[in-house]
Amino acid sequence: MKYRWLWIVGIVLPMLLVVQTEGGPPTGIATSPLQEGRPVAAQTERGPYARIAVLRPYEGHSVEFEAGYIRHLAWHQQARDTWVWYGWSVTYGERQRWFVYASFGHSATSFDNPVSPVEDERDNVLNVVPHAEFAGNALYEYLPALSRGTGEPQPTPRLEFTAVDLVPGAAKAFEAALSARQSSLQEETLWYRVVAGGPTPRYVRLRPQPSLSAVIDGKSQQALPDGTDHLVAKTTVEIWTLRPTMSFGLGSPGRK
């Protein structure tokens, strides 16, 4: 019996030493999904959903913002984040110099299981918030029947971004027109529908390109299907430039 109690104490005591009275991890230590009781499978489960968000660096803070954002990505690495995060600068458009970060290919459940959200926010406040304004954050659903590609854009140097705002009640007809043209798509063309975080009905198209000249030469592909003009309230086209040093996980195994 004495040896049995010694065995129990030897197991329980180390556990007590690492558990705080609040029931949470030590302050300042990023925990993995397993440490917080969230299965890794829930975070990595694949699906059609994407998150695209926008940061607007403060005037005169561009250098500090980029350095702070890179430090924040280092936190994601330390926290063993399994998501891939793209980073783009808006090069051509009314939002010139704004920064877009995005992650693709998630299930709805995976959004309930982000890596260490409390610590993520704390590091954001420390490194990003002093130098930029959070200017938008939306969830999108990938529409494979309207697209050519996997729903995760290839990390090419340039990307053509098109946002299409429709008049009320036009979504069904607009999707039907895009679906009819899907078989003729010759390049990677990814269509998404806004789920939350933006005006509806809104659709977004991403077209990765190797260069600025490729975007210009492919301008004929920018046109929406014939007969959809009366469905569209507003169209916005921008060109984004990939920022590899401000991205995370693009070089992970299995990615092209």
C-alpha atoms as a PDB file:
ATOM      1  CA  MET A   1       0.000   0.000   0.000  1.00  0.00           C
ATOM      2  CA  LYS A   2       2.853   2.388   0.812  1.00  0.00           C
ATOM      3  CA  TYR A   3       4.350   1.902  -2.625  1.00  0.00           C
ATOM      4  CA  ARG A   4       0.973   2.459  -4.243  1.00  0.00           C
ATOM      5  CA  TRP A   5       0.615   5.872  -2.545  1.00  0.00           C
ATOM      6  CA  LEU A   6       4.151   6.804  -3.555  1.00  0.00           C
ATOM      7  CA  TRP A   7       3.279   5.979  -7.143  1.00  0.00           C
ATOM      8  CA  ILE A   8       0.131   8.191  -7.039  1.00  0.00           C
ATOM      9  CA  VAL A   9       2.033  11.108  -5.502  1.00  0.00           C
ATOM     10  CA  GLY A  10       4.733  10.761  -8.148  1.00  0.00           C
ATOM     11  CA  ILE A  11       2.109  11.149 -10.882  1.00  0.00           C
ATOM     12  CA  VAL A  12      -0.128  13.834  -9.393  1.00  0.00           C
ATOM     13  CA  LEU A  13       2.448  16.185  -7.851  1.00  0.00           C
ATOM     14  CA  PRO A  14       4.140  17.205 -11.143  1.00  0.00           C
ATOM     15  CA  MET A  15       0.697  17.900 -12.610  1.00  0.00           C
ATOM     16  CA  LEU A  16      -0.213  20.163  -9.713  1.00  0.00           C
ATOM     17  CA  LEU A  17       2.997  22.100 -10.125  1.00  0.00           C
ATOM     18  CA  VAL A  18       2.162  23.112 -13.695  1.00  0.00           C
ATOM     19  CA  VAL A  19      -1.550  23.914 -13.274  1.00  0.00           C
ATOM     20  CA  GLN A  20      -2.364  27.459 -12.176  1.00  0.00           C
ATOM     21  CA  THR A  21      -5.258  28.256  -9.914  1.00  0.00           C
ATOM     22  CA  GLU A  22      -7.021  30.116 -12.754  1.00  0.00           C
ATOM     23  CA  GLY A  23      -7.031  26.935 -14.805  1.00  0.00           C
ATOM     24  CA  GLY A  24      -5.161  28.570 -17.696  1.00  0.00           C
ATOM     25  CA  PRO A  25      -1.611  28.574 -19.057  1.00  0.00           C
ATOM     26  CA  PRO A  26       1.151  30.717 -17.549  1.00  0.00           C
ATOM     27  CA  THR A  27       0.985  34.331 -18.672  1.00  0.00           C
ATOM     28  CA  GLY A  28       2.993  35.056 -21.811  1.00  0.00           C
ATOM     29  CA  ILE A  29       3.352  31.407 -22.885  1.00  0.00           C
ATOM     30  CA  ALA A  30       1.615  30.497 -26.129  1.00  0.00           C
ATOM     31  CA  THR A  31      -0.152  27.159 -25.938  1.00  0.00           C
ATOM     32  CA  SER A  32      -0.864  24.677 -28.683  1.00  0.00           C
ATOM     33  CA  PRO A  33      -4.398  23.499 -29.531  1.00  0.00           C
ATOM     34  CA  LEU A  34      -3.719  20.269 -27.650  1.00  0.00           C
ATOM     35  CA  GLN A  35      -2.645  22.162 -24.538  1.00  0.00           C
ATOM     36  CA  GLU A  36      -5.885  24.130 -24.550  1.00  0.00           C
ATOM     37  CA  GLY A  37      -8.002  21.018 -25.017  1.00  0.00           C
ATOM     38  CA  ARG A  38      -8.881  21.735 -28.661  1.00  0.00           C
ATOM     39  CA  PRO A  39      -8.055  18.835 -30.981  1.00  0.00           C
ATOM     40  CA  VAL A  40      -5.560  19.663 -33.696  1.00  0.00           C
ATOM     41  CA  ALA A  41      -7.840  17.879 -36.172  1.00  0.00           C
ATOM     42  CA  ALA A  42     -10.517  20.531 -35.618  1.00  0.00           C
ATOM     43  CA  GLN A  43      -8.088  23.305 -36.514  1.00  0.00           C
ATOM     44  CA  THR A  44      -6.698  21.555 -39.604  1.00  0.00           C
ATOM     45  CA  GLU A  45      -9.971  20.185 -41.002  1.00  0.00           C
ATOM     46  CA  ARG A  46     -10.289  21.210 -44.637  1.00  0.00           C
ATOM     47  CA  GLY A  47     -13.285  23.000 -46.106  1.00  0.00           C
ATOM     48  CA  PRO A  48     -14.481  25.727 -48.506  1.00  0.00           C
ATOM     49  CA  TYR A  49     -14.217  28.752 -46.235  1.00  0.00           C
ATOM     50  CA  ALA A  50     -11.696  31.589 -46.212  1.00  0.00           C
ATOM     51  CA  ARG A  51     -10.934  34.571 -44.056  1.00  0.00           C
ATOM     52  CA  ILE A  52      -9.708  37.751 -45.753  1.00  0.00           C
ATOM     53  CA  ALA A  53      -8.846  40.767 -43.604  1.00  0.00           C
ATOM     54  CA  VAL A  54      -7.354  44.209 -44.197  1.00  0.00           C
ATOM     55  CA  LEU A  55      -4.954  46.405 -42.253  1.00  0.00           C
ATOM     56  CA  ARG A  56      -4.329  50.074 -42.991  1.00  0.00           C
ATOM     57  CA  PRO A  57      -0.878  51.193 -41.808  1.00  0.00           C
ATOM     58  CA  TYR A  58      -0.845  54.604 -40.161  1.00  0.00           C
ATOM     59  CA  GLU A  59       0.784  57.424 -42.076  1.00  0.00           C
ATOM     60  CA  GLY A  60       4.527  57.337 -41.458  1.00  0.00           C
ATOM     61  CA  HIS A  61       4.384  53.914 -39.744  1.00  0.00           C
ATOM     62  CA  SER A  62       4.994  51.627 -42.740  1.00  0.00           C
ATOM     63  CA  VAL A  63       8.426  50.433 -41.589  1.00  0.00           C
ATOM     64  CA  GLU A  64       7.307  49.924 -37.998  1.00  0.00           C
ATOM     65  CA  PHE A  65       4.138  48.137 -39.142  1.00  0.00           C
ATOM     66  CA  GLU A  66       6.003  45.661 -41.323  1.00  0.00           C
ATOM     67  CA  ALA A  67       8.516  44.905 -38.578  1.00  0.00           C
ATOM     68  CA  GLY A  68       5.724  44.462 -36.023  1.00  0.00           C
ATOM     69  CA  TYR A  69       3.701  42.204 -38.308  1.00  0.00           C
ATOM     70  CA  ILE A  70       6.734  40.013 -38.976  1.00  0.00           C
ATOM     71  CA  ARG A  71       7.239  39.715 -35.207  1.00  0.00           C
ATOM     72  CA  HIS A  72       3.599  38.689 -34.913  1.00  0.00           C
ATOM     73  CA  LEU A  73       4.112  35.959 -37.520  1.00  0.00           C
ATOM     74  CA  ALA A  74       7.013  34.713 -35.411  1.00  0.00           C
ATOM     75  CA  TRP A  75       4.510  34.332 -32.579  1.00  0.00           C
ATOM     76  CA  HIS A  76       2.319  32.180 -34.869  1.00  0.00           C
ATOM     77  CA  GLN A  77       5.315  29.975 -35.555  1.00  0.00           C
ATOM     78  CA  GLN A  78       6.104  29.657 -31.842  1.00  0.00           C
ATOM     79  CA  ALA A  79       2.448  28.817 -31.153  1.00  0.00           C
ATOM     80  CA  ARG A  80       2.594  26.051 -33.803  1.00  0.00           C
ATOM     81  CA  ASP A  81      -0.182  27.544 -35.876  1.00  0.00           C
ATOM     82  CA  THR A  82      -1.220  25.050 -38.573  1.00  0.00           C
ATOM     83  CA  TRP A  83      -2.930  27.623 -40.818  1.00  0.00           C
ATOM     84  CA  VAL A  84      -1.302  29.084 -43.901  1.00  0.00           C
ATOM     85  CA  TRP A  85      -1.437  32.895 -43.925  1.00  0.00           C
ATOM     86  CA  TYR A  86      -0.993  34.904 -47.131  1.00  0.00           C
ATOM     87  CA  GLY A  87       0.165  38.512 -46.995  1.00  0.00           C
ATOM     88  CA  TRP A  88      -0.323  41.009 -49.837  1.00  0.00           C
ATOM     89  CA  SER A  89       0.206  44.730 -50.288  1.00  0.00           C
ATOM     90  CA  VAL A  90      -2.351  46.571 -52.418  1.00  0.00           C
ATOM     91  CA  THR A  91      -0.233  48.013 -55.221  1.00  0.00           C
ATOM     92  CA  TYR A  92      -2.882  49.362 -57.588  1.00  0.00           C
ATOM     93  CA  GLY A  93      -6.222  50.613 -56.325  1.00  0.00           C
ATOM     94  CA  GLU A  94      -7.784  53.168 -54.027  1.00  0.00           C
ATOM     95  CA  ARG A  95      -6.431  51.227 -51.051  1.00  0.00           C
ATOM     96  CA  GLN A  96      -2.813  51.562 -52.200  1.00  0.00           C
ATOM     97  CA  ARG A  97      -0.301  50.525 -49.505  1.00  0.00           C
ATOM     98  CA  TRP A  98      -2.964  48.778 -47.442  1.00  0.00           C
ATOM     99  CA  PHE A  99      -2.125  45.254 -46.324  1.00  0.00           C
ATOM    100  CA  VAL A 100      -4.297  42.165 -46.860  1.00  0.00           C
ATOM    101  CA  TYR A 101      -3.863  38.934 -44.920  1.00  0.00           C
ATOM    102  CA  ALA A 102      -5.865  35.809 -45.610  1.00  0.00           C
ATOM    103  CA  SER A 103      -6.185  32.095 -44.969  1.00  0.00           C
ATOM    104  CA  PHE A 104      -8.043  29.615 -47.190  1.00  0.00           C
ATOM    105  CA  GLY A 105      -9.418  26.094 -47.278  1.00  0.00           C
ATOM    106  CA  HIS A 106     -11.011  25.825 -43.844  1.00  0.00           C
ATOM    107  CA  SER A 107     -14.063  24.043 -42.502  1.00  0.00           C
ATOM    108  CA  ALA A 108     -16.584  25.973 -40.420  1.00  0.00           C
ATOM    109  CA  THR A 109     -15.405  24.028 -37.354  1.00  0.00           C
ATOM    110  CA  SER A 110     -11.806  25.126 -37.814  1.00  0.00           C
ATOM    111  CA  PHE A 111     -12.826  28.745 -37.224  1.00  0.00           C
ATOM    112  CA  ASP A 112     -14.010  27.697 -33.764  1.00  0.00           C
ATOM    113  CA  ASN A 113     -10.526  26.379 -33.008  1.00  0.00           C
ATOM    114  CA  PRO A 114      -7.921  29.047 -33.797  1.00  0.00           C
ATOM    115  CA  VAL A 115      -4.536  28.741 -32.180  1.00  0.00           C
ATOM    116  CA  SER A 116      -4.337  30.395 -28.738  1.00  0.00           C
ATOM    117  CA  PRO A 117      -6.754  33.285 -29.442  1.00  0.00           C
ATOM    118  CA  VAL A 118      -6.080  35.151 -26.181  1.00  0.00           C
ATOM    119  CA  GLU A 119      -2.325  35.121 -26.717  1.00  0.00           C
ATOM    120  CA  ASP A 120      -2.813  35.908 -30.410  1.00  0.00           C
ATOM    121  CA  GLU A 121      -4.753  39.060 -29.514  1.00  0.00           C
ATOM    122  CA  ARG A 122      -2.199  40.026 -26.879  1.00  0.00           C
ATOM    123  CA  ASP A 123       0.647  39.787 -29.369  1.00  0.00           C
ATOM    124  CA  ASN A 124      -1.376  41.725 -31.943  1.00  0.00           C
ATOM    125  CA  VAL A 125      -1.940  44.548 -29.472  1.00  0.00           C
ATOM    126  CA  LEU A 126       1.774  44.606 -28.706  1.00  0.00           C
ATOM    127  CA  ASN A 127       3.180  44.468 -32.233  1.00  0.00           C
ATOM    128  CA  VAL A 128       0.518  45.463 -34.789  1.00  0.00           C
ATOM    129  CA  VAL A 129      -2.100  47.749 -33.223  1.00  0.00           C
ATOM    130  CA  PRO A 130       0.327  50.655 -32.537  1.00  0.00           C
ATOM    131  CA  HIS A 131       1.095  50.907 -36.255  1.00  0.00           C
ATOM    132  CA  ALA A 132      -2.086  50.024 -38.185  1.00  0.00           C
ATOM    133  CA  GLU A 133      -5.858  50.186 -38.189  1.00  0.00           C
ATOM    134  CA  PHE A 134      -7.944  47.028 -38.628  1.00  0.00           C
ATOM    135  CA  ALA A 135      -9.995  48.049 -41.670  1.00  0.00           C
ATOM    136  CA  GLY A 136     -11.978  44.918 -42.526  1.00  0.00           C
ATOM    137  CA  ASN A 137     -12.450  41.242 -41.718  1.00  0.00           C
ATOM    138  CA  ALA A 138     -14.777  38.942 -43.660  1.00  0.00           C
ATOM    139  CA  LEU A 139     -15.575  35.259 -44.128  1.00  0.00           C
ATOM    140  CA  TYR A 140     -16.043  33.842 -47.609  1.00  0.00           C
ATOM    141  CA  GLU A 141     -17.226  30.584 -49.149  1.00  0.00           C
ATOM    142  CA  TYR A 142     -15.361  29.187 -52.151  1.00  0.00           C
ATOM    143  CA  LEU A 143     -17.566  28.333 -55.141  1.00  0.00           C
ATOM    144  CA  PRO A 144     -15.900  25.510 -57.114  1.00  0.00           C
ATOM    145  CA  ALA A 145     -18.716  25.264 -59.677  1.00  0.00           C
ATOM    146  CA  LEU A 146     -17.898  28.811 -60.803  1.00  0.00           C
ATOM    147  CA  SER A 147     -14.108  28.558 -60.580  1.00  0.00           C
ATOM    148  CA  ARG A 148     -10.968  26.945 -61.878  1.00  0.00           C
ATOM    149  CA  GLY A 149      -8.597  25.984 -59.079  1.00  0.00           C
ATOM    150  CA  THR A 150      -8.519  24.480 -55.625  1.00  0.00           C
ATOM    151  CA  GLY A 151      -9.865  27.416 -53.631  1.00  0.00           C
ATOM    152  CA  GLU A 152      -6.376  28.222 -52.313  1.00  0.00           C
ATOM    153  CA  PRO A 153      -4.614  30.672 -54.648  1.00  0.00           C
ATOM    154  CA  GLN A 154      -1.155  29.863 -55.838  1.00  0.00           C
ATOM    155  CA  PRO A 155       1.385  32.181 -54.133  1.00  0.00           C
ATOM    156  CA  THR A 156       2.324  34.060 -57.297  1.00  0.00           C
ATOM    157  CA  PRO A 157       4.048  37.472 -57.232  1.00  0.00           C
ATOM    158  CA  ARG A 158       0.869  39.278 -58.329  1.00  0.00           C
ATOM    159  CA  LEU A 159      -2.835  38.741 -57.787  1.00  0.00           C
ATOM    160  CA  GLU A 160      -5.793  40.388 -59.481  1.00  0.00           C
ATOM    161  CA  PHE A 161      -8.580  41.021 -56.968  1.00  0.00           C
ATOM    162  CA  THR A 162     -12.121  41.795 -58.148  1.00  0.00           C
ATOM    163  CA  ALA A 163     -15.041  42.589 -55.837  1.00  0.00           C
ATOM    164  CA  VAL A 164     -18.534  42.510 -57.347  1.00  0.00           C
ATOM    165  CA  ASP A 165     -21.467  44.003 -55.443  1.00  0.00           C
ATOM    166  CA  LEU A 166     -24.835  42.934 -56.822  1.00  0.00           C
ATOM    167  CA  VAL A 167     -28.236  44.521 -56.702  1.00  0.00           C
ATOM    168  CA  PRO A 168     -30.615  42.836 -54.220  1.00  0.00           C
ATOM    169  CA  GLY A 169     -32.005  39.530 -55.408  1.00  0.00           C
ATOM    170  CA  ALA A 170     -29.460  39.056 -58.214  1.00  0.00           C
ATOM    171  CA  ALA A 171     -27.295  36.347 -56.655  1.00  0.00           C
ATOM    172  CA  LYS A 172     -28.983  33.334 -58.260  1.00  0.00           C
ATOM    173  CA  ALA A 173     -28.884  34.770 -61.778  1.00  0.00           C
ATOM    174  CA  PHE A 174     -25.285  35.957 -61.371  1.00  0.00           C
ATOM    175  CA  GLU A 175     -24.074  32.541 -60.210  1.00  0.00           C
ATOM    176  CA  ALA A 176     -25.900  30.877 -63.098  1.00  0.00           C
ATOM    177  CA  ALA A 177     -24.091  33.160 -65.568  1.00  0.00           C
ATOM    178  CA  LEU A 178     -20.700  32.405 -64.019  1.00  0.00           C
ATOM    179  CA  SER A 179     -21.428  28.673 -63.966  1.00  0.00           C
ATOM    180  CA  ALA A 180     -22.269  28.702 -67.678  1.00  0.00           C
ATOM    181  CA  ARG A 181     -18.840  30.210 -68.418  1.00  0.00           C
ATOM    182  CA  GLN A 182     -16.854  28.022 -66.011  1.00  0.00           C
ATOM    183  CA  SER A 183     -15.786  25.462 -68.637  1.00  0.00           C
ATOM    184  CA  SER A 184     -14.151  28.188 -70.748  1.00  0.00           C
ATOM    185  CA  LEU A 185     -11.830  29.420 -67.991  1.00  0.00           C
ATOM    186  CA  GLN A 186      -8.204  29.028 -69.081  1.00  0.00           C
ATOM    187  CA  GLU A 187      -6.392  30.302 -65.989  1.00  0.00           C
ATOM    188  CA  GLU A 188      -6.708  29.900 -62.238  1.00  0.00           C
ATOM    189  CA  THR A 189      -9.859  31.824 -61.376  1.00  0.00           C
ATOM    190  CA  LEU A 190     -11.307  31.575 -57.875  1.00  0.00           C
ATOM    191  CA  TRP A 191     -14.780  32.868 -56.964  1.00  0.00           C
ATOM    192  CA  TYR A 192     -15.958  33.367 -53.377  1.00  0.00           C
ATOM    193  CA  ARG A 193     -19.248  34.508 -51.860  1.00  0.00           C
ATOM    194  CA  VAL A 194     -19.315  36.727 -48.756  1.00  0.00           C
ATOM    195  CA  VAL A 195     -20.712  34.837 -45.770  1.00  0.00           C
ATOM    196  CA  ALA A 196     -20.238  37.515 -43.099  1.00  0.00           C
ATOM    197  CA  GLY A 197     -18.302  40.725 -42.580  1.00  0.00           C
ATOM    198  CA  GLY A 198     -19.292  42.633 -45.703  1.00  0.00           C
ATOM    199  CA  PRO A 199     -22.211  43.827 -47.807  1.00  0.00           C
ATOM    200  CA  THR A 200     -24.340  41.185 -49.481  1.00  0.00           C
ATOM    201  CA  PRO A 201     -24.735  40.023 -52.103  1.00  0.00           C
ATOM    202  CA  ARG A 202     -20.989  40.428 -52.759  1.00  0.00           C
ATOM    203  CA  TYR A 203     -18.696  38.123 -54.723  1.00  0.00           C
ATOM    204  CA  VAL A 204     -14.913  38.189 -54.873  1.00  0.00           C
ATOM    205  CA  ARG A 205     -12.683  36.817 -57.623  1.00  0.00           C
ATOM    206  CA  LEU A 206      -8.973  36.070 -57.208  1.00  0.00           C
ATOM    207  CA  ARG A 207      -6.740  35.532 -60.251  1.00  0.00           C
ATOM    208  CA  PRO A 208      -3.081  34.757 -59.364  1.00  0.00           C
ATOM    209  CA  GLN A 209      -0.605  35.993 -61.979  1.00  0.00           C
ATOM    210  CA  PRO A 210       3.194  35.707 -62.358  1.00  0.00           C
ATOM    211  CA  SER A 211       3.748  39.376 -63.217  1.00  0.00           C
ATOM    212  CA  LEU A 212       2.136  42.750 -63.709  1.00  0.00           C
ATOM    213  CA  SER A 213       2.388  42.361 -67.481  1.00  0.00           C
ATOM    214  CA  ALA A 214       0.449  39.087 -67.228  1.00  0.00           C
ATOM    215  CA  VAL A 215      -2.359  40.939 -65.446  1.00  0.00           C
ATOM    216  CA  ILE A 216      -2.416  43.612 -68.157  1.00  0.00           C
ATOM    217  CA  ASP A 217      -2.219  41.118 -71.028  1.00  0.00           C
ATOM    218  CA  GLY A 218      -5.082  39.146 -69.497  1.00  0.00           C
ATOM    219  CA  LYS A 219      -7.399  42.129 -69.110  1.00  0.00           C
ATOM    220  CA  SER A 220      -9.848  40.523 -71.542  1.00  0.00           C
ATOM    221  CA  GLN A 221     -10.480  37.904 -68.848  1.00  0.00           C
ATOM    222  CA  GLN A 222     -11.570  40.623 -66.417  1.00  0.00           C
ATOM    223  CA  ALA A 223     -14.934  41.082 -68.081  1.00  0.00           C
ATOM    224  CA  LEU A 224     -17.951  39.581 -66.368  1.00  0.00           C
ATOM    225  CA  PRO A 225     -20.286  37.348 -68.398  1.00  0.00           C
ATOM    226  CA  ASP A 226     -22.443  39.033 -71.012  1.00  0.00           C
ATOM    227  CA  GLY A 227     -25.889  39.909 -69.823  1.00  0.00           C
ATOM    228  CA  THR A 228     -24.922  40.487 -66.186  1.00  0.00           C
ATOM    229  CA  ASP A 229     -24.563  44.282 -66.303  1.00  0.00           C
ATOM    230  CA  HIS A 230     -28.041  44.828 -64.866  1.00  0.00           C
ATOM    231  CA  LEU A 231     -27.198  42.531 -61.944  1.00  0.00           C
ATOM    232  CA  VAL A 232     -24.110  44.478 -60.848  1.00  0.00           C
ATOM    233  CA  ALA A 233     -24.206  47.561 -58.640  1.00  0.00           C
ATOM    234  CA  LYS A 234     -20.434  48.079 -58.369  1.00  0.00           C
ATOM    235  CA  THR A 235     -17.203  46.407 -59.495  1.00  0.00           C
ATOM    236  CA  THR A 236     -13.764  47.086 -57.994  1.00  0.00           C
ATOM    237  CA  VAL A 237     -10.488  45.760 -59.424  1.00  0.00           C
ATOM    238  CA  GLU A 238      -7.162  45.906 -57.568  1.00  0.00           C
ATOM    239  CA  ILE A 239      -3.726  44.398 -58.084  1.00  0.00           C
ATOM    240  CA  TRP A 240      -2.015  42.936 -55.039  1.00  0.00           C
ATOM    241  CA  THR A 241       1.665  42.106 -54.573  1.00  0.00           C
ATOM    242  CA  LEU A 242       2.606  39.039 -52.546  1.00  0.00           C
ATOM    243  CA  ARG A 243       4.776  39.714 -49.496  1.00  0.00           C
ATOM    244  CA  PRO A 244       6.589  36.431 -48.767  1.00  0.00           C
ATOM    245  CA  THR A 245       8.258  37.772 -45.609  1.00  0.00           C
ATOM    246  CA  MET A 246       4.833  38.845 -44.349  1.00  0.00           C
ATOM    247  CA  SER A 247       3.254  35.466 -45.071  1.00  0.00           C
ATOM    248  CA  PHE A 248       3.283  32.294 -43.013  1.00  0.00           C
ATOM    249  CA  GLY A 249       3.399  28.652 -44.099  1.00  0.00           C
ATOM    250  CA  LEU A 250       3.471  29.199 -47.869  1.00  0.00           C
ATOM    251  CA  GLY A 251       6.508  26.963 -48.136  1.00  0.00           C
ATOM    252  CA  SER A 252       4.994  24.136 -46.094  1.00  0.00           C
ATOM    253  CA  PRO A 253       5.082  20.587 -47.529  1.00  0.00           C
ATOM    254  CA  GLY A 254       2.394  19.837 -50.069  1.00  0.00           C
ATOM    255  CA  ARG A 255       2.075  23.408 -51.367  1.00  0.00           C
ATOM    256  CA  LYS A 256       3.154  24.220 -54.895  1.00  0.00           C
END
